[in-house]
C-alpha cells in the first residue's frame, strides 16, 4: 500500500472543520494550508481563523473547539500530522 499523502489528511481535516464547525475556507486558503501547513496545532488553528477573516488572538471556546479537532488529527494520525506537526500519520 503506498504511503498516505499528507495533503489528503489536511483536505479531510478542512472538510471536517467546515461540516462540523462551520469553518468553510475558500479554495485558495485550503490550497495554501495543504501546500504549507503550520507546524503545530496552535499555528494551524490560528491560520484557520485568519483564513476565515477572524481574529485568532482571543482564545475563545470556539478557538479551543477548532484547536482540539486539529490537535486530534495531528496526534492520532487522522489528518495532516503524526505527533504534533504536519507529516501524515498512519490511519
PDB file of N, CA and C in Angstrom:
ATOM      1  N   UNK A   1       0.851  -1.175   0.000  1.00  0.00           N
ATOM      2  CA  UNK A   1       0.000   0.000   0.000  1.00  0.00           C
ATOM      3  C   UNK A   1       0.895   1.237   0.000  1.00  0.00           C
ATOM      4  N   UNK A   2       0.670   2.179  -0.922  1.00  0.00           N
ATOM      5  CA  UNK A   2       1.524   3.366  -0.972  1.00  0.00           C
ATOM      6  C   UNK A   2       1.314   4.237   0.258  1.00  0.00           C
ATOM      7  N   UNK A   3       2.350   4.998   0.637  1.00  0.00           N
ATOM      8  CA  UNK A   3       2.196   5.877   1.799  1.00  0.00           C
ATOM      9  C   UNK A   3       1.111   6.916   1.547  1.00  0.00           C
ATOM     10  N   UNK A   4       0.459   7.285   2.598  1.00  0.00           N
ATOM     11  CA  UNK A   4      -0.622   8.268   2.523  1.00  0.00           C
ATOM     12  C   UNK A   4      -0.044   9.662   2.288  1.00  0.00           C
ATOM     13  N   UNK A   5      -0.650  10.403   1.381  1.00  0.00           N
ATOM     14  CA  UNK A   5      -0.234  11.771   1.095  1.00  0.00           C
ATOM     15  C   UNK A   5      -0.726  12.672   2.230  1.00  0.00           C
ATOM     16  N   UNK A   6       0.178  13.403   2.893  1.00  0.00           N
ATOM     17  CA  UNK A   6      -0.235  14.287   3.990  1.00  0.00           C
ATOM     18  C   UNK A   6      -1.295  15.302   3.564  1.00  0.00           C
ATOM     19  N   UNK A   7      -1.281  15.699   2.299  1.00  0.00           N
ATOM     20  CA  UNK A   7      -2.269  16.670   1.822  1.00  0.00           C
ATOM     21  C   UNK A   7      -3.681  16.103   1.885  1.00  0.00           C
ATOM     22  N   UNK A   8      -3.816  14.776   1.738  1.00  0.00           N
ATOM     23  CA  UNK A   8      -5.136  14.155   1.855  1.00  0.00           C
ATOM     24  C   UNK A   8      -5.684  14.325   3.266  1.00  0.00           C
ATOM     25  N   UNK A   9      -4.818  14.168   4.258  1.00  0.00           N
ATOM     26  CA  UNK A   9      -5.244  14.343   5.642  1.00  0.00           C
ATOM     27  C   UNK A   9      -5.673  15.767   5.928  1.00  0.00           C
ATOM     28  N   UNK A  10      -4.951  16.721   5.367  1.00  0.00           N
ATOM     29  CA  UNK A  10      -5.322  18.121   5.558  1.00  0.00           C
ATOM     30  C   UNK A  10      -6.655  18.394   4.878  1.00  0.00           C
ATOM     31  N   UNK A  11      -6.840  17.846   3.702  1.00  0.00           N
ATOM     32  CA  UNK A  11      -8.112  18.012   2.983  1.00  0.00           C
ATOM     33  C   UNK A  11      -9.256  17.461   3.841  1.00  0.00           C
ATOM     34  N   UNK A  12      -9.068  16.293   4.431  1.00  0.00           N
ATOM     35  CA  UNK A  12     -10.101  15.693   5.288  1.00  0.00           C
ATOM     36  C   UNK A  12     -10.359  16.553   6.521  1.00  0.00           C
ATOM     37  N   UNK A  13      -9.294  17.060   7.128  1.00  0.00           N
ATOM     38  CA  UNK A  13      -9.437  17.917   8.303  1.00  0.00           C
ATOM     39  C   UNK A  13     -10.216  19.180   7.950  1.00  0.00           C
ATOM     40  N   UNK A  14      -9.870  19.828   6.856  1.00  0.00           N
ATOM     41  CA  UNK A  14     -10.566  21.054   6.464  1.00  0.00           C
ATOM     42  C   UNK A  14     -12.032  20.774   6.152  1.00  0.00           C
ATOM     43  N   UNK A  15     -12.321  19.628   5.561  1.00  0.00           N
ATOM     44  CA  UNK A  15     -13.717  19.244   5.310  1.00  0.00           C
ATOM     45  C   UNK A  15     -14.460  19.080   6.640  1.00  0.00           C
ATOM     46  N   UNK A  16     -13.822  18.416   7.585  1.00  0.00           N
ATOM     47  CA  UNK A  16     -14.433  18.207   8.905  1.00  0.00           C
ATOM     48  C   UNK A  16     -14.684  19.540   9.608  1.00  0.00           C
ATOM     49  N   UNK A  17     -13.716  20.461   9.542  1.00  0.00           N
ATOM     50  CA  UNK A  17     -13.896  21.772  10.170  1.00  0.00           C
ATOM     51  C   UNK A  17     -15.061  22.523   9.534  1.00  0.00           C
ATOM     52  N   UNK A  18     -15.241  22.357   8.238  1.00  0.00           N
ATOM     53  CA  UNK A  18     -16.347  23.014   7.537  1.00  0.00           C
ATOM     54  C   UNK A  18     -17.686  22.403   7.947  1.00  0.00           C
ATOM     55  N   UNK A  19     -17.797  21.100   7.827  1.00  0.00           N
ATOM     56  CA  UNK A  19     -19.068  20.419   8.082  1.00  0.00           C
ATOM     57  C   UNK A  19     -19.464  20.503   9.557  1.00  0.00           C
ATOM     58  N   UNK A  20     -18.508  20.268  10.446  1.00  0.00           N
ATOM     59  CA  UNK A  20     -18.834  20.179  11.871  1.00  0.00           C
ATOM     60  C   UNK A  20     -18.829  21.520  12.595  1.00  0.00           C
ATOM     61  N   UNK A  21     -17.936  22.441  12.193  1.00  0.00           N
ATOM     62  CA  UNK A  21     -17.779  23.681  12.952  1.00  0.00           C
ATOM     63  C   UNK A  21     -18.039  24.947  12.136  1.00  0.00           C
ATOM     64  N   UNK A  22     -18.325  24.797  10.844  1.00  0.00           N
ATOM     65  CA  UNK A  22     -18.665  25.955  10.033  1.00  0.00           C
ATOM     66  C   UNK A  22     -17.495  26.757   9.490  1.00  0.00           C
ATOM     67  N   UNK A  23     -16.281  26.221   9.585  1.00  0.00           N
ATOM     68  CA  UNK A  23     -15.098  26.900   9.053  1.00  0.00           C
ATOM     69  C   UNK A  23     -14.857  26.410   7.627  1.00  0.00           C
ATOM     70  N   UNK A  24     -15.589  27.006   6.678  1.00  0.00           N
ATOM     71  CA  UNK A  24     -15.521  26.593   5.269  1.00  0.00           C
ATOM     72  C   UNK A  24     -14.634  27.581   4.519  1.00  0.00           C
ATOM     73  N   UNK A  25     -13.375  27.236   4.402  1.00  0.00           N
ATOM     74  CA  UNK A  25     -12.391  28.143   3.825  1.00  0.00           C
ATOM     75  C   UNK A  25     -12.493  28.190   2.307  1.00  0.00           C
ATOM     76  N   UNK A  26     -12.176  29.358   1.729  1.00  0.00           N
ATOM     77  CA  UNK A  26     -12.141  29.453   0.268  1.00  0.00           C
ATOM     78  C   UNK A  26     -11.081  28.512  -0.303  1.00  0.00           C
ATOM     79  N   UNK A  27     -11.267  28.083  -1.540  1.00  0.00           N
ATOM     80  CA  UNK A  27     -10.320  27.130  -2.147  1.00  0.00           C
ATOM     81  C   UNK A  27      -8.862  27.581  -2.094  1.00  0.00           C
ATOM     82  N   UNK A  28      -8.588  28.865  -2.316  1.00  0.00           N
ATOM     83  CA  UNK A  28      -7.186  29.307  -2.302  1.00  0.00           C
ATOM     84  C   UNK A  28      -6.580  29.206  -0.903  1.00  0.00           C
ATOM     85  N   UNK A  29      -7.386  29.392   0.147  1.00  0.00           N
ATOM     86  CA  UNK A  29      -6.885  29.247   1.517  1.00  0.00           C
ATOM     87  C   UNK A  29      -6.666  27.765   1.845  1.00  0.00           C
ATOM     88  N   UNK A  30      -7.560  26.906   1.373  1.00  0.00           N
ATOM     89  CA  UNK A  30      -7.376  25.468   1.578  1.00  0.00           C
ATOM     90  C   UNK A  30      -6.086  25.002   0.918  1.00  0.00           C
ATOM     91  N   UNK A  31      -5.866  25.467  -0.298  1.00  0.00           N
ATOM     92  CA  UNK A  31      -4.657  25.091  -1.035  1.00  0.00           C
ATOM     93  C   UNK A  31      -3.403  25.574  -0.297  1.00  0.00           C
ATOM     94  N   UNK A  32      -3.453  26.801   0.210  1.00  0.00           N
ATOM     95  CA  UNK A  32      -2.313  27.353   0.954  1.00  0.00           C
ATOM     96  C   UNK A  32      -1.999  26.489   2.183  1.00  0.00           C
ATOM     97  N   UNK A  33      -3.012  26.065   2.915  1.00  0.00           N
ATOM     98  CA  UNK A  33      -2.791  25.235   4.101  1.00  0.00           C
ATOM     99  C   UNK A  33      -2.298  23.836   3.735  1.00  0.00           C
ATOM    100  N   UNK A  34      -2.754  23.308   2.609  1.00  0.00           N
ATOM    101  CA  UNK A  34      -2.264  21.992   2.174  1.00  0.00           C
ATOM    102  C   UNK A  34      -0.814  22.069   1.718  1.00  0.00           C
ATOM    103  N   UNK A  35      -0.457  23.135   1.023  1.00  0.00           N
ATOM    104  CA  UNK A  35       0.899  23.263   0.477  1.00  0.00           C
ATOM    105  C   UNK A  35       1.928  23.613   1.550  1.00  0.00           C
ATOM    106  N   UNK A  36       1.548  24.414   2.526  1.00  0.00           N
ATOM    107  CA  UNK A  36       2.487  24.855   3.569  1.00  0.00           C
ATOM    108  C   UNK A  36       1.768  24.888   4.916  1.00  0.00           C
ATOM    109  N   UNK A  37       1.466  23.709   5.465  1.00  0.00           N
ATOM    110  CA  UNK A  37       0.724  23.679   6.734  1.00  0.00           C
ATOM    111  C   UNK A  37       1.576  24.193   7.892  1.00  0.00           C
ATOM    112  N   UNK A  38       0.959  24.929   8.816  1.00  0.00           N
ATOM    113  CA  UNK A  38       1.679  25.337  10.025  1.00  0.00           C
ATOM    114  C   UNK A  38       2.195  24.110  10.768  1.00  0.00           C
ATOM    115  N   UNK A  39       3.280  24.302  11.501  1.00  0.00           N
ATOM    116  CA  UNK A  39       3.999  23.184  12.116  1.00  0.00           C
ATOM    117  C   UNK A  39       3.309  22.581  13.332  1.00  0.00           C
ATOM    118  N   UNK A  40       2.431  23.330  13.987  1.00  0.00           N
ATOM    119  CA  UNK A  40       1.797  22.789  15.190  1.00  0.00           C
ATOM    120  C   UNK A  40       0.312  23.143  15.207  1.00  0.00           C
ATOM    121  N   UNK A  41      -0.402  22.551  16.150  1.00  0.00           N
ATOM    122  CA  UNK A  41      -1.856  22.712  16.196  1.00  0.00           C
ATOM    123  C   UNK A  41      -2.267  24.148  16.500  1.00  0.00           C
ATOM    124  N   UNK A  42      -1.547  24.833  17.380  1.00  0.00           N
ATOM    125  CA  UNK A  42      -1.888  26.229  17.672  1.00  0.00           C
ATOM    126  C   UNK A  42      -1.734  27.087  16.420  1.00  0.00           C
ATOM    127  N   UNK A  43      -0.630  26.911  15.714  1.00  0.00           N
ATOM    128  CA  UNK A  43      -0.393  27.671  14.493  1.00  0.00           C
ATOM    129  C   UNK A  43      -1.416  27.355  13.415  1.00  0.00           C
ATOM    130  N   UNK A  44      -1.777  26.081  13.295  1.00  0.00           N
ATOM    131  CA  UNK A  44      -2.778  25.682  12.299  1.00  0.00           C
ATOM    132  C   UNK A  44      -4.125  26.302  12.658  1.00  0.00           C
ATOM    133  N   UNK A  45      -4.469  26.290  13.941  1.00  0.00           N
ATOM    134  CA  UNK A  45      -5.730  26.883  14.387  1.00  0.00           C
ATOM    135  C   UNK A  45      -5.755  28.371  14.080  1.00  0.00           C
ATOM    136  N   UNK A  46      -4.677  29.064  14.411  1.00  0.00           N
ATOM    137  CA  UNK A  46      -4.600  30.495  14.118  1.00  0.00           C
ATOM    138  C   UNK A  46      -4.734  30.752  12.620  1.00  0.00           C
ATOM    139  N   UNK A  47      -4.114  29.910  11.802  1.00  0.00           N
ATOM    140  CA  UNK A  47      -4.185  30.074  10.346  1.00  0.00           C
ATOM    141  C   UNK A  47      -5.611  29.868   9.837  1.00  0.00           C
ATOM    142  N   UNK A  48      -6.334  28.917  10.411  1.00  0.00           N
ATOM    143  CA  UNK A  48      -7.727  28.684  10.018  1.00  0.00           C
ATOM    144  C   UNK A  48      -8.573  29.909  10.362  1.00  0.00           C
ATOM    145  N   UNK A  49      -8.390  30.451  11.559  1.00  0.00           N
ATOM    146  CA  UNK A  49      -9.141  31.642  11.952  1.00  0.00           C
ATOM    147  C   UNK A  49      -8.812  32.813  11.031  1.00  0.00           C
ATOM    148  N   UNK A  50      -7.538  33.029  10.764  1.00  0.00           N
ATOM    149  CA  UNK A  50      -7.133  34.132   9.886  1.00  0.00           C
ATOM    150  C   UNK A  50      -7.721  33.956   8.488  1.00  0.00           C
ATOM    151  N   UNK A  51      -7.726  32.722   7.986  1.00  0.00           N
ATOM    152  CA  UNK A  51      -8.275  32.454   6.657  1.00  0.00           C
ATOM    153  C   UNK A  51      -9.777  32.723   6.607  1.00  0.00           C
ATOM    154  N   UNK A  52     -10.440  32.597   7.753  1.00  0.00           N
ATOM    155  CA  UNK A  52     -11.876  32.888   7.851  1.00  0.00           C
ATOM    156  C   UNK A  52     -12.124  34.374   8.068  1.00  0.00           C
ATOM    157  N   UNK A  53     -11.050  35.163   8.221  1.00  0.00           N
ATOM    158  CA  UNK A  53     -11.206  36.590   8.476  1.00  0.00           C
ATOM    159  C   UNK A  53     -11.508  36.901   9.928  1.00  0.00           C
ATOM    160  N   UNK A  54     -11.187  35.964  10.808  1.00  0.00           N
ATOM    161  CA  UNK A  54     -11.440  36.132  12.240  1.00  0.00           C
ATOM    162  C   UNK A  54     -10.124  36.352  12.975  1.00  0.00           C
ATOM    163  N   UNK A  55     -10.206  37.051  14.102  1.00  0.00           N
ATOM    164  CA  UNK A  55      -9.027  37.303  14.924  1.00  0.00           C
ATOM    165  C   UNK A  55      -8.721  36.054  15.748  1.00  0.00           C
ATOM    166  N   UNK A  56      -7.553  35.438  15.520  1.00  0.00           N
ATOM    167  CA  UNK A  56      -7.220  34.243  16.296  1.00  0.00           C
ATOM    168  C   UNK A  56      -6.693  34.565  17.687  1.00  0.00           C
ATOM    169  N   UNK A  57      -6.485  35.845  17.973  1.00  0.00           N
ATOM    170  CA  UNK A  57      -5.868  36.251  19.234  1.00  0.00           C
ATOM    171  C   UNK A  57      -6.583  35.768  20.483  1.00  0.00           C
ATOM    172  N   UNK A  58      -7.845  36.126  20.670  1.00  0.00           N
ATOM    173  CA  UNK A  58      -8.510  35.689  21.900  1.00  0.00           C
ATOM    174  C   UNK A  58      -8.795  34.189  21.851  1.00  0.00           C
ATOM    175  N   UNK A  59      -8.415  33.501  22.886  1.00  0.00           N
ATOM    176  CA  UNK A  59      -8.606  32.047  22.932  1.00  0.00           C
ATOM    177  C   UNK A  59     -10.013  31.744  23.439  1.00  0.00           C
ATOM    178  N   UNK A  60     -10.973  31.902  22.542  1.00  0.00           N
ATOM    179  CA  UNK A  60     -12.385  31.710  22.860  1.00  0.00           C
ATOM    180  C   UNK A  60     -12.719  30.213  22.914  1.00  0.00           C
ATOM    181  N   UNK A  61     -13.904  29.876  23.421  1.00  0.00           N
ATOM    182  CA  UNK A  61     -14.319  28.472  23.377  1.00  0.00           C
ATOM    183  C   UNK A  61     -14.321  27.912  21.950  1.00  0.00           C
ATOM    184  N   UNK A  62     -14.705  28.724  20.966  1.00  0.00           N
ATOM    185  CA  UNK A  62     -14.686  28.259  19.580  1.00  0.00           C
ATOM    186  C   UNK A  62     -13.259  27.973  19.129  1.00  0.00           C
ATOM    187  N   UNK A  63     -12.316  28.840  19.482  1.00  0.00           N
ATOM    188  CA  UNK A  63     -10.910  28.599  19.136  1.00  0.00           C
ATOM    189  C   UNK A  63     -10.470  27.249  19.714  1.00  0.00           C
ATOM    190  N   UNK A  64     -10.848  26.996  20.967  1.00  0.00           N
ATOM    191  CA  UNK A  64     -10.457  25.736  21.613  1.00  0.00           C
ATOM    192  C   UNK A  64     -11.117  24.529  20.944  1.00  0.00           C
ATOM    193  N   UNK A  65     -12.353  24.681  20.459  1.00  0.00           N
ATOM    194  CA  UNK A  65     -13.004  23.580  19.731  1.00  0.00           C
ATOM    195  C   UNK A  65     -12.235  23.255  18.456  1.00  0.00           C
ATOM    196  N   UNK A  66     -11.875  24.295  17.712  1.00  0.00           N
ATOM    197  CA  UNK A  66     -11.126  24.090  16.470  1.00  0.00           C
ATOM    198  C   UNK A  66      -9.765  23.496  16.796  1.00  0.00           C
ATOM    199  N   UNK A  67      -9.097  24.022  17.813  1.00  0.00           N
ATOM    200  CA  UNK A  67      -7.765  23.549  18.221  1.00  0.00           C
ATOM    201  C   UNK A  67      -7.810  22.082  18.635  1.00  0.00           C
ATOM    202  N   UNK A  68      -8.843  21.695  19.359  1.00  0.00           N
ATOM    203  CA  UNK A  68      -8.974  20.301  19.803  1.00  0.00           C
ATOM    204  C   UNK A  68      -9.114  19.378  18.594  1.00  0.00           C
ATOM    205  N   UNK A  69      -9.913  19.787  17.627  1.00  0.00           N
ATOM    206  CA  UNK A  69     -10.129  18.969  16.432  1.00  0.00           C
ATOM    207  C   UNK A  69      -8.831  18.831  15.635  1.00  0.00           C
ATOM    208  N   UNK A  70      -8.118  19.928  15.469  1.00  0.00           N
ATOM    209  CA  UNK A  70      -6.845  19.900  14.741  1.00  0.00           C
ATOM    210  C   UNK A  70      -5.824  19.065  15.504  1.00  0.00           C
ATOM    211  N   UNK A  71      -5.735  19.267  16.815  1.00  0.00           N
ATOM    212  CA  UNK A  71      -4.796  18.501  17.631  1.00  0.00           C
ATOM    213  C   UNK A  71      -5.064  17.009  17.568  1.00  0.00           C
ATOM    214  N   UNK A  72      -6.337  16.636  17.559  1.00  0.00           N
ATOM    215  CA  UNK A  72      -6.694  15.215  17.474  1.00  0.00           C
ATOM    216  C   UNK A  72      -6.211  14.630  16.150  1.00  0.00           C
ATOM    217  N   UNK A  73      -6.384  15.358  15.087  1.00  0.00           N
ATOM    218  CA  UNK A  73      -5.897  14.882  13.785  1.00  0.00           C
ATOM    219  C   UNK A  73      -4.386  14.737  13.800  1.00  0.00           C
ATOM    220  N   UNK A  74      -3.711  15.704  14.380  1.00  0.00           N
ATOM    221  CA  UNK A  74      -2.245  15.673  14.394  1.00  0.00           C
ATOM    222  C   UNK A  74      -1.705  14.552  15.275  1.00  0.00           C
ATOM    223  N   UNK A  75      -2.305  14.351  16.415  1.00  0.00           N
ATOM    224  CA  UNK A  75      -1.831  13.306  17.333  1.00  0.00           C
ATOM    225  C   UNK A  75      -2.229  11.911  16.887  1.00  0.00           C
ATOM    226  N   UNK A  76      -3.436  11.792  16.358  1.00  0.00           N
ATOM    227  CA  UNK A  76      -3.979  10.473  16.080  1.00  0.00           C
ATOM    228  C   UNK A  76      -3.711   9.937  14.699  1.00  0.00           C
ATOM    229  N   UNK A  77      -3.044  10.701  13.869  1.00  0.00           N
ATOM    230  CA  UNK A  77      -2.801  10.227  12.522  1.00  0.00           C
ATOM    231  C   UNK A  77      -4.050  10.221  11.679  1.00  0.00           C
ATOM    232  N   UNK A  78      -5.100  10.961  12.111  1.00  0.00           N
ATOM    233  CA  UNK A  78      -6.339  11.018  11.347  1.00  0.00           C
ATOM    234  C   UNK A  78      -6.293  12.100  10.291  1.00  0.00           C
ATOM    235  N   UNK A  79      -5.236  12.890  10.272  1.00  0.00           N
ATOM    236  CA  UNK A  79      -5.239  14.003   9.351  1.00  0.00           C
ATOM    237  C   UNK A  79      -3.856  14.377   8.918  1.00  0.00           C
ATOM    238  N   UNK A  80      -3.524  15.660   9.041  1.00  0.00           N
ATOM    239  CA  UNK A  80      -2.308  16.147   8.425  1.00  0.00           C
ATOM    240  C   UNK A  80      -1.034  15.796   9.135  1.00  0.00           C
ATOM    241  N   UNK A  81      -1.090  15.194  10.318  1.00  0.00           N
ATOM    242  CA  UNK A  81       0.163  15.039  11.032  1.00  0.00           C
ATOM    243  C   UNK A  81       0.209  13.792  11.875  1.00  0.00           C
ATOM    244  N   UNK A  82       1.411  13.437  12.239  1.00  0.00           N
ATOM    245  CA  UNK A  82       1.647  12.397  13.216  1.00  0.00           C
ATOM    246  C   UNK A  82       1.643  13.040  14.582  1.00  0.00           C
ATOM    247  N   UNK A  83       2.769  13.119  15.246  1.00  0.00           N
ATOM    248  CA  UNK A  83       2.862  13.625  16.614  1.00  0.00           C
ATOM    249  C   UNK A  83       2.231  15.005  16.767  1.00  0.00           C
ATOM    250  N   UNK A  84       2.965  16.066  16.512  1.00  0.00           N
ATOM    251  CA  UNK A  84       2.434  17.412  16.692  1.00  0.00           C
ATOM    252  C   UNK A  84       2.666  18.312  15.498  1.00  0.00           C
ATOM    253  N   UNK A  85       3.089  17.768  14.398  1.00  0.00           N
ATOM    254  CA  UNK A  85       3.345  18.608  13.234  1.00  0.00           C
ATOM    255  C   UNK A  85       2.873  17.924  11.984  1.00  0.00           C
ATOM    256  N   UNK A  86       2.943  18.638  10.866  1.00  0.00           N
ATOM    257  CA  UNK A  86       2.475  18.043   9.619  1.00  0.00           C
ATOM    258  C   UNK A  86       3.359  16.893   9.186  1.00  0.00           C
ATOM    259  N   UNK A  87       2.769  15.967   8.495  1.00  0.00           N
ATOM    260  CA  UNK A  87       3.574  14.849   8.017  1.00  0.00           C
ATOM    261  C   UNK A  87       2.758  13.625   7.696  1.00  0.00           C
ATOM    262  N   UNK A  88       1.551  13.559   8.230  1.00  0.00           N
ATOM    263  CA  UNK A  88       0.659  12.460   7.875  1.00  0.00           C
ATOM    264  C   UNK A  88       0.982  11.163   8.566  1.00  0.00           C
ATOM    265  N   UNK A  89       0.253  10.852   9.588  1.00  0.00           N
ATOM    266  CA  UNK A  89       0.444   9.590  10.277  1.00  0.00           C
ATOM    267  C   UNK A  89      -0.332   8.482   9.605  1.00  0.00           C
ATOM    268  N   UNK A  90      -0.149   7.275  10.077  1.00  0.00           N
ATOM    269  CA  UNK A  90      -0.888   6.132   9.530  1.00  0.00           C
ATOM    270  C   UNK A  90      -2.310   6.165  10.040  1.00  0.00           C
ATOM    271  N   UNK A  91      -3.206   5.677   9.258  1.00  0.00           N
ATOM    272  CA  UNK A  91      -4.618   5.610   9.674  1.00  0.00           C
ATOM    273  C   UNK A  91      -4.897   4.336  10.366  1.00  0.00           C
TER     274      UNK A  91
END
